[in-house]
Amino acid sequence: MTKYTKQFKLQVVQDYLTSSLGIVLIARKYQIKSDMTVNKWVRQYQRFGTAGLEVRRPEKVYDGTFKVNV
């Protein structure tokens, strides 16, 4: 499970792009520990759009038979 959802990331990025607040204040507003996380989201959004905010490694669920075989 990821810590932040795509919708949350998009909300943070949109707030940063539309407000006069800097990255540090946006991180504080949304209680994100590192401002570099917000910076990374903004750069990914600017380069790839909303696809850049998606979870890259979705959680995999394995059934019992697979686990036994492994």
C-alpha atoms as a PDB file:
ATOM      1  CA  MET A   1       0.000   0.000   0.000  1.00  0.00           C
ATOM      2  CA  THR A   2       1.323   3.408  -0.880  1.00  0.00           C
ATOM      3  CA  LYS A   3       1.457   6.245   1.575  1.00  0.00           C
ATOM      4  CA  TYR A   4      -0.069   8.867  -0.739  1.00  0.00           C
ATOM      5  CA  THR A   5      -2.818   8.344  -3.302  1.00  0.00           C
ATOM      6  CA  LYS A   6      -2.743   9.727  -6.810  1.00  0.00           C
ATOM      7  CA  GLN A   7      -5.628  12.068  -5.973  1.00  0.00           C
ATOM      8  CA  PHE A   8      -3.771  13.460  -2.963  1.00  0.00           C
ATOM      9  CA  LYS A   9      -0.607  14.028  -4.993  1.00  0.00           C
ATOM     10  CA  LEU A  10      -2.608  15.784  -7.700  1.00  0.00           C
ATOM     11  CA  GLN A  11      -4.291  18.002  -5.105  1.00  0.00           C
ATOM     12  CA  VAL A  12      -0.925  18.987  -3.627  1.00  0.00           C
ATOM     13  CA  VAL A  13       0.571  19.727  -7.064  1.00  0.00           C
ATOM     14  CA  GLN A  14      -2.449  21.747  -8.177  1.00  0.00           C
ATOM     15  CA  ASP A  15      -2.358  23.735  -4.945  1.00  0.00           C
ATOM     16  CA  TYR A  16       1.331  24.483  -5.468  1.00  0.00           C
ATOM     17  CA  LEU A  17       0.827  25.546  -9.089  1.00  0.00           C
ATOM     18  CA  THR A  18      -2.171  27.786  -8.376  1.00  0.00           C
ATOM     19  CA  SER A  19      -1.084  29.409  -5.112  1.00  0.00           C
ATOM     20  CA  SER A  20       1.720  31.749  -4.193  1.00  0.00           C
ATOM     21  CA  LEU A  21       3.012  29.384  -1.516  1.00  0.00           C
ATOM     22  CA  GLY A  22       6.402  27.782  -1.963  1.00  0.00           C
ATOM     23  CA  ILE A  23       7.187  24.084  -1.808  1.00  0.00           C
ATOM     24  CA  VAL A  24       8.186  24.207   1.872  1.00  0.00           C
ATOM     25  CA  LEU A  25       4.894  25.806   2.911  1.00  0.00           C
ATOM     26  CA  ILE A  26       2.856  23.421   0.752  1.00  0.00           C
ATOM     27  CA  ALA A  27       4.631  20.479   2.409  1.00  0.00           C
ATOM     28  CA  ARG A  28       3.804  21.896   5.841  1.00  0.00           C
ATOM     29  CA  LYS A  29       0.197  22.591   4.862  1.00  0.00           C
ATOM     30  CA  TYR A  30      -0.377  18.972   3.852  1.00  0.00           C
ATOM     31  CA  GLN A  31       1.851  17.570   6.628  1.00  0.00           C
ATOM     32  CA  ILE A  32       4.356  15.988   4.255  1.00  0.00           C
ATOM     33  CA  LYS A  33       7.644  15.457   6.054  1.00  0.00           C
ATOM     34  CA  SER A  34       9.948  16.338   3.164  1.00  0.00           C
ATOM     35  CA  ASP A  35       9.595  19.247   0.794  1.00  0.00           C
ATOM     36  CA  MET A  36      11.657  17.260  -1.699  1.00  0.00           C
ATOM     37  CA  THR A  37       8.704  14.873  -2.034  1.00  0.00           C
ATOM     38  CA  VAL A  38       6.487  17.733  -3.176  1.00  0.00           C
ATOM     39  CA  ASN A  39       9.240  18.958  -5.498  1.00  0.00           C
ATOM     40  CA  LYS A  40       9.479  15.486  -7.061  1.00  0.00           C
ATOM     41  CA  TRP A  41       5.701  15.320  -7.583  1.00  0.00           C
ATOM     42  CA  VAL A  42       5.662  18.735  -9.238  1.00  0.00           C
ATOM     43  CA  ARG A  43       8.503  17.818 -11.606  1.00  0.00           C
ATOM     44  CA  GLN A  44       6.855  14.491 -12.495  1.00  0.00           C
ATOM     45  CA  TYR A  45       3.536  16.232 -13.133  1.00  0.00           C
ATOM     46  CA  GLN A  46       5.134  18.878 -15.329  1.00  0.00           C
ATOM     47  CA  ARG A  47       6.996  16.266 -17.363  1.00  0.00           C
ATOM     48  CA  PHE A  48       4.461  13.431 -17.640  1.00  0.00           C
ATOM     49  CA  GLY A  49       1.119  14.921 -16.587  1.00  0.00           C
ATOM     50  CA  THR A  50      -1.179  12.959 -14.279  1.00  0.00           C
ATOM     51  CA  ALA A  51       0.447   9.696 -15.389  1.00  0.00           C
ATOM     52  CA  GLY A  52       3.603  10.805 -13.588  1.00  0.00           C
ATOM     53  CA  LEU A  53       1.783  10.699 -10.258  1.00  0.00           C
ATOM     54  CA  GLU A  54       0.562   7.115 -10.571  1.00  0.00           C
ATOM     55  CA  VAL A  55       1.859   4.311  -8.404  1.00  0.00           C
ATOM     56  CA  ARG A  56       4.629   2.569 -10.286  1.00  0.00           C
ATOM     57  CA  ARG A  57       4.605  -0.702  -8.400  1.00  0.00           C
ATOM     58  CA  PRO A  58       1.081  -1.779  -7.517  1.00  0.00           C
ATOM     59  CA  GLU A  59       0.751  -4.159  -4.603  1.00  0.00           C
ATOM     60  CA  LYS A  60       0.782  -7.777  -5.738  1.00  0.00           C
ATOM     61  CA  VAL A  61      -1.444 -10.344  -4.099  1.00  0.00           C
ATOM     62  CA  TYR A  62      -0.468 -13.999  -4.348  1.00  0.00           C
ATOM     63  CA  ASP A  63      -2.816 -16.865  -3.656  1.00  0.00           C
ATOM     64  CA  GLY A  64      -1.974 -19.749  -1.332  1.00  0.00           C
ATOM     65  CA  THR A  65      -1.165 -22.278  -4.077  1.00  0.00           C
ATOM     66  CA  PHE A  66       1.413 -19.966  -5.609  1.00  0.00           C
ATOM     67  CA  LYS A  67       3.040 -19.460  -2.243  1.00  0.00           C
ATOM     68  CA  VAL A  68       3.185 -23.177  -1.593  1.00  0.00           C
ATOM     69  CA  ASN A  69       4.748 -23.826  -5.005  1.00  0.00           C
ATOM     70  CA  VAL A  70       7.403 -21.198  -4.445  1.00  0.00           C
END
